[in-house]
N, C-alpha and C. Protein backbone atom coordinates (compact mmCIF):
# COMPACT_ATOMS: atom_id res chain seq x y z
N MET A 1 51.45 -51.77 -6.18
CA MET A 1 50.58 -50.85 -6.81
C MET A 1 50.85 -49.43 -6.22
N LYS A 2 51.10 -48.53 -7.14
CA LYS A 2 51.42 -47.19 -6.74
C LYS A 2 50.19 -46.30 -6.65
N ARG A 3 50.07 -45.56 -5.57
CA ARG A 3 48.91 -44.66 -5.41
C ARG A 3 49.21 -43.32 -6.02
N SER A 4 48.27 -42.82 -6.77
CA SER A 4 48.47 -41.52 -7.37
C SER A 4 47.89 -40.45 -6.38
N ALA A 5 48.46 -39.22 -6.59
CA ALA A 5 48.06 -38.15 -5.71
C ALA A 5 46.66 -37.72 -6.16
N PRO A 6 45.83 -37.20 -5.18
CA PRO A 6 44.51 -36.79 -5.58
C PRO A 6 44.56 -35.54 -6.42
N MET A 7 43.57 -35.35 -7.23
CA MET A 7 43.53 -34.24 -8.10
C MET A 7 43.36 -32.95 -7.34
N GLN A 8 44.05 -31.95 -7.69
CA GLN A 8 43.96 -30.64 -7.01
C GLN A 8 43.67 -29.55 -8.03
N ARG A 9 42.90 -28.61 -7.59
CA ARG A 9 42.51 -27.49 -8.42
C ARG A 9 43.63 -26.48 -8.42
N LYS A 10 43.98 -25.95 -9.52
CA LYS A 10 45.08 -25.00 -9.62
C LYS A 10 44.60 -23.59 -9.29
N THR A 11 43.32 -23.25 -9.71
CA THR A 11 42.77 -21.93 -9.37
C THR A 11 41.56 -22.15 -8.52
N PRO A 12 41.34 -21.25 -7.54
CA PRO A 12 40.14 -21.43 -6.66
C PRO A 12 38.88 -21.24 -7.43
N LEU A 13 37.75 -21.74 -6.91
CA LEU A 13 36.45 -21.57 -7.46
C LEU A 13 36.07 -20.09 -7.53
N ALA A 14 35.49 -19.68 -8.59
CA ALA A 14 35.00 -18.33 -8.66
C ALA A 14 33.74 -18.20 -7.87
N ARG A 15 33.73 -17.16 -7.03
CA ARG A 15 32.57 -16.91 -6.16
C ARG A 15 31.59 -15.92 -6.84
N THR A 16 30.37 -16.30 -6.87
CA THR A 16 29.32 -15.42 -7.35
C THR A 16 28.36 -15.12 -6.23
N GLY A 17 27.67 -14.07 -6.30
CA GLY A 17 26.69 -13.73 -5.29
C GLY A 17 25.45 -14.62 -5.46
N PHE A 18 24.73 -14.84 -4.36
CA PHE A 18 23.57 -15.72 -4.47
C PHE A 18 22.48 -14.87 -5.21
N LYS A 19 21.93 -15.46 -6.21
CA LYS A 19 20.96 -14.73 -6.99
C LYS A 19 19.75 -15.65 -7.17
N ARG A 20 18.63 -15.06 -6.92
CA ARG A 20 17.39 -15.85 -7.07
C ARG A 20 17.04 -16.01 -8.55
N LYS A 21 16.57 -17.24 -8.89
CA LYS A 21 16.18 -17.44 -10.27
C LYS A 21 14.86 -16.76 -10.56
N GLU A 22 14.68 -16.33 -11.80
CA GLU A 22 13.40 -15.69 -12.16
C GLU A 22 12.31 -16.77 -12.16
N LEU A 23 11.19 -16.49 -11.59
CA LEU A 23 10.11 -17.40 -11.48
C LEU A 23 9.09 -17.12 -12.60
N GLY A 24 8.51 -18.18 -13.12
CA GLY A 24 7.46 -18.02 -14.09
C GLY A 24 6.19 -17.43 -13.51
N PRO A 25 5.20 -17.09 -14.32
CA PRO A 25 3.96 -16.53 -13.78
C PRO A 25 3.19 -17.45 -12.86
N PHE A 26 3.34 -18.73 -13.03
CA PHE A 26 2.58 -19.69 -12.16
C PHE A 26 3.32 -19.97 -10.89
N LYS A 27 4.58 -19.75 -10.81
CA LYS A 27 5.37 -20.05 -9.65
C LYS A 27 5.50 -18.87 -8.70
N LYS A 28 4.95 -17.73 -9.06
CA LYS A 28 5.13 -16.57 -8.22
C LYS A 28 4.47 -16.76 -6.85
N GLN A 29 3.44 -17.60 -6.80
CA GLN A 29 2.75 -17.82 -5.55
C GLN A 29 3.66 -18.55 -4.61
N LEU A 30 4.71 -19.27 -5.06
CA LEU A 30 5.55 -19.99 -4.22
C LEU A 30 6.74 -19.13 -3.73
N ASP A 31 6.89 -17.95 -4.27
CA ASP A 31 7.94 -17.03 -3.82
C ASP A 31 7.59 -16.48 -2.42
N ARG A 32 8.31 -16.91 -1.44
CA ARG A 32 7.95 -16.50 -0.05
C ARG A 32 8.38 -15.12 0.31
N ASN A 33 9.26 -14.52 -0.48
CA ASN A 33 9.68 -13.12 -0.18
C ASN A 33 8.60 -12.16 -0.61
N THR A 34 7.90 -12.41 -1.64
CA THR A 34 6.91 -11.47 -2.10
C THR A 34 5.54 -11.68 -1.48
N GLN A 35 5.23 -12.90 -1.07
CA GLN A 35 3.91 -13.19 -0.48
C GLN A 35 4.06 -14.08 0.69
N THR A 36 3.53 -13.72 1.80
CA THR A 36 3.61 -14.59 3.01
C THR A 36 2.44 -15.57 2.94
N LEU A 37 2.63 -16.65 3.53
CA LEU A 37 1.61 -17.70 3.51
C LEU A 37 0.68 -17.47 4.69
N VAL A 38 -0.25 -16.65 4.45
CA VAL A 38 -1.26 -16.33 5.46
C VAL A 38 -2.65 -16.77 4.90
N ARG A 39 -3.36 -17.48 5.72
CA ARG A 39 -4.66 -17.97 5.30
C ARG A 39 -5.64 -16.75 5.21
N LYS A 40 -6.25 -16.70 4.06
CA LYS A 40 -7.16 -15.56 3.88
C LYS A 40 -8.45 -15.64 4.66
N SER A 41 -8.90 -16.83 4.90
CA SER A 41 -10.12 -17.00 5.77
C SER A 41 -9.90 -18.24 6.65
N ALA A 42 -10.64 -18.32 7.71
CA ALA A 42 -10.48 -19.41 8.64
C ALA A 42 -10.96 -20.72 7.96
N MET A 43 -10.36 -21.80 8.36
CA MET A 43 -10.74 -23.11 7.84
C MET A 43 -12.08 -23.41 8.38
N LYS A 44 -12.98 -23.86 7.46
CA LYS A 44 -14.36 -24.23 7.94
C LYS A 44 -14.39 -25.71 8.16
N SER A 45 -14.90 -26.07 9.32
CA SER A 45 -15.03 -27.46 9.64
C SER A 45 -16.55 -27.80 9.50
N THR A 46 -16.78 -28.84 8.83
CA THR A 46 -18.19 -29.35 8.66
C THR A 46 -18.52 -30.26 9.79
N ARG A 47 -19.67 -30.08 10.28
CA ARG A 47 -20.12 -30.92 11.40
C ARG A 47 -20.52 -32.29 10.83
N LYS A 48 -20.07 -33.30 11.52
CA LYS A 48 -20.31 -34.66 11.05
C LYS A 48 -21.78 -34.95 11.26
N ARG A 49 -22.38 -35.49 10.22
CA ARG A 49 -23.81 -35.78 10.31
C ARG A 49 -24.05 -37.07 11.05
N VAL A 50 -25.03 -37.04 11.93
CA VAL A 50 -25.40 -38.25 12.65
C VAL A 50 -26.34 -39.04 11.81
N THR A 51 -26.03 -40.23 11.41
CA THR A 51 -26.80 -41.02 10.52
C THR A 51 -27.82 -41.88 11.23
N VAL A 52 -27.53 -42.39 12.40
CA VAL A 52 -28.41 -43.32 13.08
C VAL A 52 -29.52 -42.56 13.83
N ALA A 53 -29.23 -41.36 14.33
CA ALA A 53 -30.15 -40.65 15.19
C ALA A 53 -31.48 -40.31 14.42
N ASP A 54 -31.41 -40.06 13.16
CA ASP A 54 -32.64 -39.75 12.42
C ASP A 54 -33.53 -40.99 12.39
N GLY A 55 -33.04 -42.12 12.21
CA GLY A 55 -33.86 -43.33 12.08
C GLY A 55 -33.80 -44.29 13.24
N ALA A 56 -33.33 -43.78 14.36
CA ALA A 56 -33.15 -44.63 15.52
C ALA A 56 -34.49 -45.23 15.99
N LYS A 57 -35.53 -44.48 15.85
CA LYS A 57 -36.86 -44.94 16.28
C LYS A 57 -37.34 -46.12 15.44
N TYR A 58 -36.96 -46.11 14.12
CA TYR A 58 -37.34 -47.22 13.26
C TYR A 58 -36.53 -48.45 13.57
N LEU A 59 -35.22 -48.21 13.91
CA LEU A 59 -34.40 -49.37 14.33
C LEU A 59 -34.80 -49.94 15.65
N ALA A 60 -35.16 -49.07 16.57
CA ALA A 60 -35.64 -49.54 17.88
C ALA A 60 -36.92 -50.31 17.82
N ALA A 61 -37.77 -50.00 16.81
CA ALA A 61 -39.07 -50.68 16.67
C ALA A 61 -38.84 -52.18 16.31
N CYS A 62 -37.72 -52.51 15.75
CA CYS A 62 -37.44 -53.91 15.33
C CYS A 62 -37.04 -54.77 16.51
N ARG A 63 -36.67 -54.15 17.64
CA ARG A 63 -36.23 -54.95 18.77
C ARG A 63 -37.37 -55.74 19.44
N GLY A 64 -37.08 -56.98 19.73
CA GLY A 64 -38.09 -57.78 20.39
C GLY A 64 -39.18 -58.29 19.46
N GLU A 65 -39.00 -58.24 18.19
CA GLU A 65 -40.01 -58.64 17.20
C GLU A 65 -39.58 -59.95 16.59
N PRO A 66 -40.53 -60.72 16.02
CA PRO A 66 -40.16 -61.94 15.31
C PRO A 66 -39.67 -61.59 13.92
N CYS A 67 -39.14 -62.55 13.24
CA CYS A 67 -38.58 -62.40 11.85
C CYS A 67 -39.81 -62.17 10.88
N TYR A 68 -39.72 -61.15 10.06
CA TYR A 68 -40.77 -60.92 9.08
C TYR A 68 -40.35 -61.36 7.68
N LEU A 69 -39.09 -61.70 7.45
CA LEU A 69 -38.65 -62.13 6.14
C LEU A 69 -39.12 -63.58 5.92
N ASN A 70 -38.94 -64.45 6.91
CA ASN A 70 -39.38 -65.86 6.89
C ASN A 70 -38.92 -66.59 5.61
N VAL A 71 -37.67 -66.53 5.28
CA VAL A 71 -37.14 -67.21 4.07
C VAL A 71 -36.49 -68.55 4.59
N LYS A 72 -35.60 -68.41 5.56
CA LYS A 72 -34.84 -69.56 6.05
C LYS A 72 -35.35 -70.08 7.37
N CYS A 73 -36.31 -69.39 7.92
CA CYS A 73 -36.85 -69.82 9.20
C CYS A 73 -38.36 -70.02 9.07
N ALA A 74 -38.91 -70.77 9.99
CA ALA A 74 -40.33 -71.01 9.99
C ALA A 74 -41.07 -69.75 10.49
N ARG A 75 -42.22 -69.50 9.97
CA ARG A 75 -43.00 -68.29 10.45
C ARG A 75 -43.45 -68.54 11.85
N CYS A 76 -43.07 -67.62 12.70
CA CYS A 76 -43.43 -67.79 14.10
C CYS A 76 -43.71 -66.42 14.72
N ASP A 77 -44.28 -66.42 15.88
CA ASP A 77 -44.64 -65.16 16.53
C ASP A 77 -43.79 -64.83 17.73
N TRP A 78 -42.77 -65.66 17.96
CA TRP A 78 -41.93 -65.39 19.15
C TRP A 78 -40.68 -64.59 18.69
N ALA A 79 -40.20 -63.82 19.60
CA ALA A 79 -39.05 -62.98 19.34
C ALA A 79 -37.79 -63.77 19.36
N ASP A 80 -37.09 -63.80 18.23
CA ASP A 80 -35.81 -64.56 18.08
C ASP A 80 -34.73 -63.59 18.59
N PRO A 81 -33.76 -64.08 19.37
CA PRO A 81 -32.71 -63.19 19.84
C PRO A 81 -31.75 -62.75 18.73
N THR A 82 -31.78 -63.34 17.58
CA THR A 82 -30.89 -62.93 16.49
C THR A 82 -31.54 -61.95 15.53
N VAL A 83 -32.71 -61.42 15.89
CA VAL A 83 -33.43 -60.53 15.01
C VAL A 83 -32.74 -59.12 15.02
N VAL A 84 -32.54 -58.62 13.78
CA VAL A 84 -31.90 -57.30 13.59
C VAL A 84 -32.70 -56.57 12.51
N PRO A 85 -32.57 -55.27 12.39
CA PRO A 85 -33.24 -54.57 11.28
C PRO A 85 -32.60 -54.89 9.94
N CYS A 86 -33.36 -55.30 9.00
CA CYS A 86 -32.90 -55.62 7.62
C CYS A 86 -33.27 -54.46 6.73
N HIS A 87 -32.30 -53.83 6.09
CA HIS A 87 -32.53 -52.70 5.19
C HIS A 87 -32.86 -53.18 3.79
N ASP A 88 -33.72 -52.40 3.14
CA ASP A 88 -34.05 -52.72 1.72
C ASP A 88 -32.79 -52.43 0.87
N ASN A 89 -32.57 -53.27 -0.17
CA ASN A 89 -31.37 -53.16 -1.00
C ASN A 89 -31.59 -52.52 -2.33
N ARG A 90 -32.58 -51.65 -2.46
CA ARG A 90 -32.86 -51.03 -3.74
C ARG A 90 -32.35 -49.61 -3.81
N LEU A 91 -32.01 -49.14 -5.03
CA LEU A 91 -31.59 -47.77 -5.19
C LEU A 91 -32.70 -46.82 -4.81
N SER A 92 -33.90 -47.18 -5.07
CA SER A 92 -35.03 -46.29 -4.75
C SER A 92 -35.21 -46.05 -3.25
N SER A 93 -34.57 -46.94 -2.44
CA SER A 93 -34.67 -46.78 -0.99
C SER A 93 -33.46 -46.04 -0.43
N GLY A 94 -32.63 -45.54 -1.28
CA GLY A 94 -31.47 -44.75 -0.83
C GLY A 94 -30.22 -45.63 -0.74
N LYS A 95 -30.24 -46.86 -1.16
CA LYS A 95 -29.11 -47.74 -1.13
C LYS A 95 -28.09 -47.29 -2.18
N ALA A 96 -26.80 -47.28 -1.80
CA ALA A 96 -25.73 -46.96 -2.76
C ALA A 96 -24.49 -47.71 -2.25
N MET A 97 -23.41 -47.62 -3.04
CA MET A 97 -22.21 -48.32 -2.66
C MET A 97 -21.68 -47.72 -1.36
N GLY A 98 -21.46 -48.60 -0.35
CA GLY A 98 -20.97 -48.14 0.90
C GLY A 98 -21.98 -47.38 1.75
N LYS A 99 -23.25 -47.45 1.40
CA LYS A 99 -24.31 -46.71 2.09
C LYS A 99 -25.51 -47.59 2.29
N LYS A 100 -26.11 -47.54 3.45
CA LYS A 100 -27.32 -48.28 3.72
C LYS A 100 -28.48 -47.48 3.17
N ALA A 101 -29.64 -48.21 3.09
CA ALA A 101 -30.89 -47.58 2.72
C ALA A 101 -31.47 -46.78 3.89
N ARG A 102 -32.44 -46.02 3.64
CA ARG A 102 -33.09 -45.24 4.68
C ARG A 102 -33.63 -46.19 5.78
N HIS A 103 -33.64 -45.67 6.96
CA HIS A 103 -34.06 -46.49 8.13
C HIS A 103 -35.55 -46.84 8.12
N ASP A 104 -36.31 -45.97 7.41
CA ASP A 104 -37.78 -46.29 7.47
C ASP A 104 -38.11 -47.49 6.51
N ARG A 105 -37.12 -47.90 5.73
CA ARG A 105 -37.28 -49.11 4.87
C ARG A 105 -36.56 -50.33 5.48
N THR A 106 -36.89 -50.55 6.74
CA THR A 106 -36.36 -51.73 7.45
C THR A 106 -37.46 -52.62 7.96
N LEU A 107 -37.11 -53.87 8.14
CA LEU A 107 -38.04 -54.81 8.82
C LEU A 107 -37.23 -55.76 9.61
N PRO A 108 -37.80 -56.33 10.68
CA PRO A 108 -37.03 -57.24 11.51
C PRO A 108 -36.83 -58.57 10.80
N GLY A 109 -35.56 -59.06 10.87
CA GLY A 109 -35.25 -60.33 10.23
C GLY A 109 -34.24 -61.05 11.08
N CYS A 110 -34.31 -62.40 11.13
CA CYS A 110 -33.39 -63.18 11.89
C CYS A 110 -32.07 -63.25 11.15
N MET A 111 -31.05 -63.78 11.81
CA MET A 111 -29.67 -63.84 11.23
C MET A 111 -29.63 -64.63 9.88
N LEU A 112 -30.35 -65.73 9.86
CA LEU A 112 -30.36 -66.56 8.65
C LEU A 112 -30.99 -65.86 7.47
N CYS A 113 -32.13 -65.24 7.70
CA CYS A 113 -32.88 -64.53 6.66
C CYS A 113 -32.11 -63.27 6.20
N HIS A 114 -31.55 -62.63 7.17
CA HIS A 114 -30.80 -61.36 6.85
C HIS A 114 -29.59 -61.74 5.97
N ASN A 115 -28.92 -62.83 6.28
CA ASN A 115 -27.81 -63.29 5.49
C ASN A 115 -28.25 -63.63 4.08
N TRP A 116 -29.43 -64.31 3.95
CA TRP A 116 -29.95 -64.67 2.64
C TRP A 116 -30.26 -63.44 1.84
N LEU A 117 -30.80 -62.41 2.50
CA LEU A 117 -31.18 -61.18 1.76
C LEU A 117 -29.94 -60.42 1.27
N ASP A 118 -28.88 -60.40 2.08
CA ASP A 118 -27.73 -59.60 1.74
C ASP A 118 -26.69 -60.36 0.88
N GLN A 119 -26.45 -61.65 1.24
CA GLN A 119 -25.37 -62.40 0.53
C GLN A 119 -25.88 -63.65 -0.15
N GLY A 120 -27.17 -63.92 -0.08
CA GLY A 120 -27.67 -65.17 -0.69
C GLY A 120 -27.58 -65.23 -2.19
N PRO A 121 -27.68 -66.46 -2.76
CA PRO A 121 -27.51 -66.63 -4.19
C PRO A 121 -28.82 -66.43 -5.00
N ALA A 122 -29.87 -66.10 -4.29
CA ALA A 122 -31.16 -65.97 -5.00
C ALA A 122 -31.16 -64.69 -5.92
N PRO A 123 -31.97 -64.71 -6.96
CA PRO A 123 -32.05 -63.54 -7.83
C PRO A 123 -32.63 -62.32 -7.11
N ARG A 124 -32.28 -61.16 -7.62
CA ARG A 124 -32.70 -59.98 -6.95
C ARG A 124 -34.24 -59.80 -6.92
N GLU A 125 -34.92 -60.23 -7.99
CA GLU A 125 -36.37 -60.13 -8.05
C GLU A 125 -36.99 -60.92 -6.91
N GLU A 126 -36.46 -62.15 -6.62
CA GLU A 126 -37.03 -62.96 -5.54
C GLU A 126 -36.76 -62.25 -4.19
N LYS A 127 -35.58 -61.67 -4.05
CA LYS A 127 -35.28 -61.01 -2.78
C LYS A 127 -36.17 -59.81 -2.57
N PHE A 128 -36.35 -59.02 -3.65
CA PHE A 128 -37.24 -57.87 -3.52
C PHE A 128 -38.66 -58.25 -3.23
N ALA A 129 -39.15 -59.36 -3.89
CA ALA A 129 -40.50 -59.82 -3.65
C ALA A 129 -40.64 -60.24 -2.17
N ARG A 130 -39.69 -61.00 -1.64
CA ARG A 130 -39.76 -61.47 -0.23
C ARG A 130 -39.74 -60.24 0.71
N PHE A 131 -38.88 -59.32 0.41
CA PHE A 131 -38.81 -58.14 1.28
C PHE A 131 -40.12 -57.37 1.27
N ASP A 132 -40.74 -57.20 0.08
CA ASP A 132 -42.00 -56.50 -0.05
C ASP A 132 -43.13 -57.19 0.76
N GLU A 133 -43.15 -58.55 0.65
CA GLU A 133 -44.15 -59.30 1.40
C GLU A 133 -44.03 -59.10 2.89
N GLY A 134 -42.78 -59.21 3.36
CA GLY A 134 -42.54 -58.99 4.79
C GLY A 134 -42.76 -57.61 5.26
N PHE A 135 -42.41 -56.62 4.37
CA PHE A 135 -42.59 -55.26 4.73
C PHE A 135 -44.12 -54.88 4.83
N ALA A 136 -44.90 -55.45 3.92
CA ALA A 136 -46.32 -55.24 3.89
C ALA A 136 -46.96 -55.76 5.25
N ARG A 137 -46.47 -56.84 5.76
CA ARG A 137 -46.97 -57.36 7.07
C ARG A 137 -46.41 -56.52 8.21
N TRP A 138 -45.18 -56.03 8.11
CA TRP A 138 -44.52 -55.31 9.19
C TRP A 138 -44.96 -53.88 9.29
N GLU A 139 -45.26 -53.22 8.19
CA GLU A 139 -45.57 -51.75 8.28
C GLU A 139 -46.78 -51.41 9.18
N PRO A 140 -47.91 -52.13 9.12
CA PRO A 140 -49.03 -51.80 10.04
C PRO A 140 -48.64 -52.05 11.51
N ARG A 141 -47.89 -53.10 11.78
CA ARG A 141 -47.45 -53.39 13.11
C ARG A 141 -46.48 -52.24 13.64
N ARG A 142 -45.59 -51.90 12.81
CA ARG A 142 -44.67 -50.77 13.20
C ARG A 142 -45.42 -49.52 13.43
N ALA A 143 -46.37 -49.20 12.58
CA ALA A 143 -47.15 -47.99 12.78
C ALA A 143 -47.90 -47.98 14.10
N ARG A 144 -48.50 -49.12 14.42
CA ARG A 144 -49.18 -49.18 15.78
C ARG A 144 -48.16 -49.04 16.90
N LYS A 145 -47.02 -49.74 16.74
CA LYS A 145 -46.02 -49.67 17.80
C LYS A 145 -45.43 -48.30 17.99
N MET A 146 -45.23 -47.55 16.97
CA MET A 146 -44.62 -46.23 17.02
C MET A 146 -45.66 -45.12 17.14
N GLY A 147 -46.96 -45.46 17.02
CA GLY A 147 -47.98 -44.46 17.04
C GLY A 147 -48.08 -43.58 15.83
N LEU A 148 -47.73 -44.16 14.66
CA LEU A 148 -47.79 -43.43 13.42
C LEU A 148 -49.10 -43.71 12.70
N GLU A 149 -49.44 -42.77 11.85
CA GLU A 149 -50.63 -43.02 11.01
C GLU A 149 -50.16 -43.63 9.70
N LEU A 150 -50.85 -44.65 9.28
CA LEU A 150 -50.50 -45.26 7.99
C LEU A 150 -50.99 -44.35 6.88
N GLN A 151 -50.20 -44.24 5.88
CA GLN A 151 -50.60 -43.42 4.67
C GLN A 151 -51.42 -44.37 3.79
N GLU A 152 -52.63 -44.00 3.55
CA GLU A 152 -53.52 -44.80 2.70
C GLU A 152 -53.14 -44.59 1.30
N ALA A 153 -53.15 -45.69 0.50
CA ALA A 153 -52.90 -45.59 -0.94
C ALA A 153 -54.13 -45.07 -1.65
N GLU A 154 -54.01 -43.98 -2.40
CA GLU A 154 -55.14 -43.40 -3.08
C GLU A 154 -55.22 -43.89 -4.48
């Protein structure tokens, strides 16, 4: 097999000066020769909001309390070590996707009842009814514990 010689140019390439292309009206802002990239104002940093601090007193009130949901556990007056604050799951309480409800709409619930409230198969109406029953019993106790005045229904 015979190898052929590589192609060679007979005349050299014509040299032209470097010339910038004309930019359209929308691309002028990208032209770095006419406008430098200087920030017109300082970047504003927003302060991260503390979400727990506002309602920490309501969450702390649930510590050392018995379960007030009493769905999966027997009604008792002793403090269960698995009791945590259970948030209301309604939109009217501030609940949204990826967001918990307001901390003033919490009540103490044990692990089993809290799981039933959040992931249980029961219909929403039943869950809301059980939460309201427990919250009605918890609210006066929480008010006494925190030194708050109960708002009377007029």
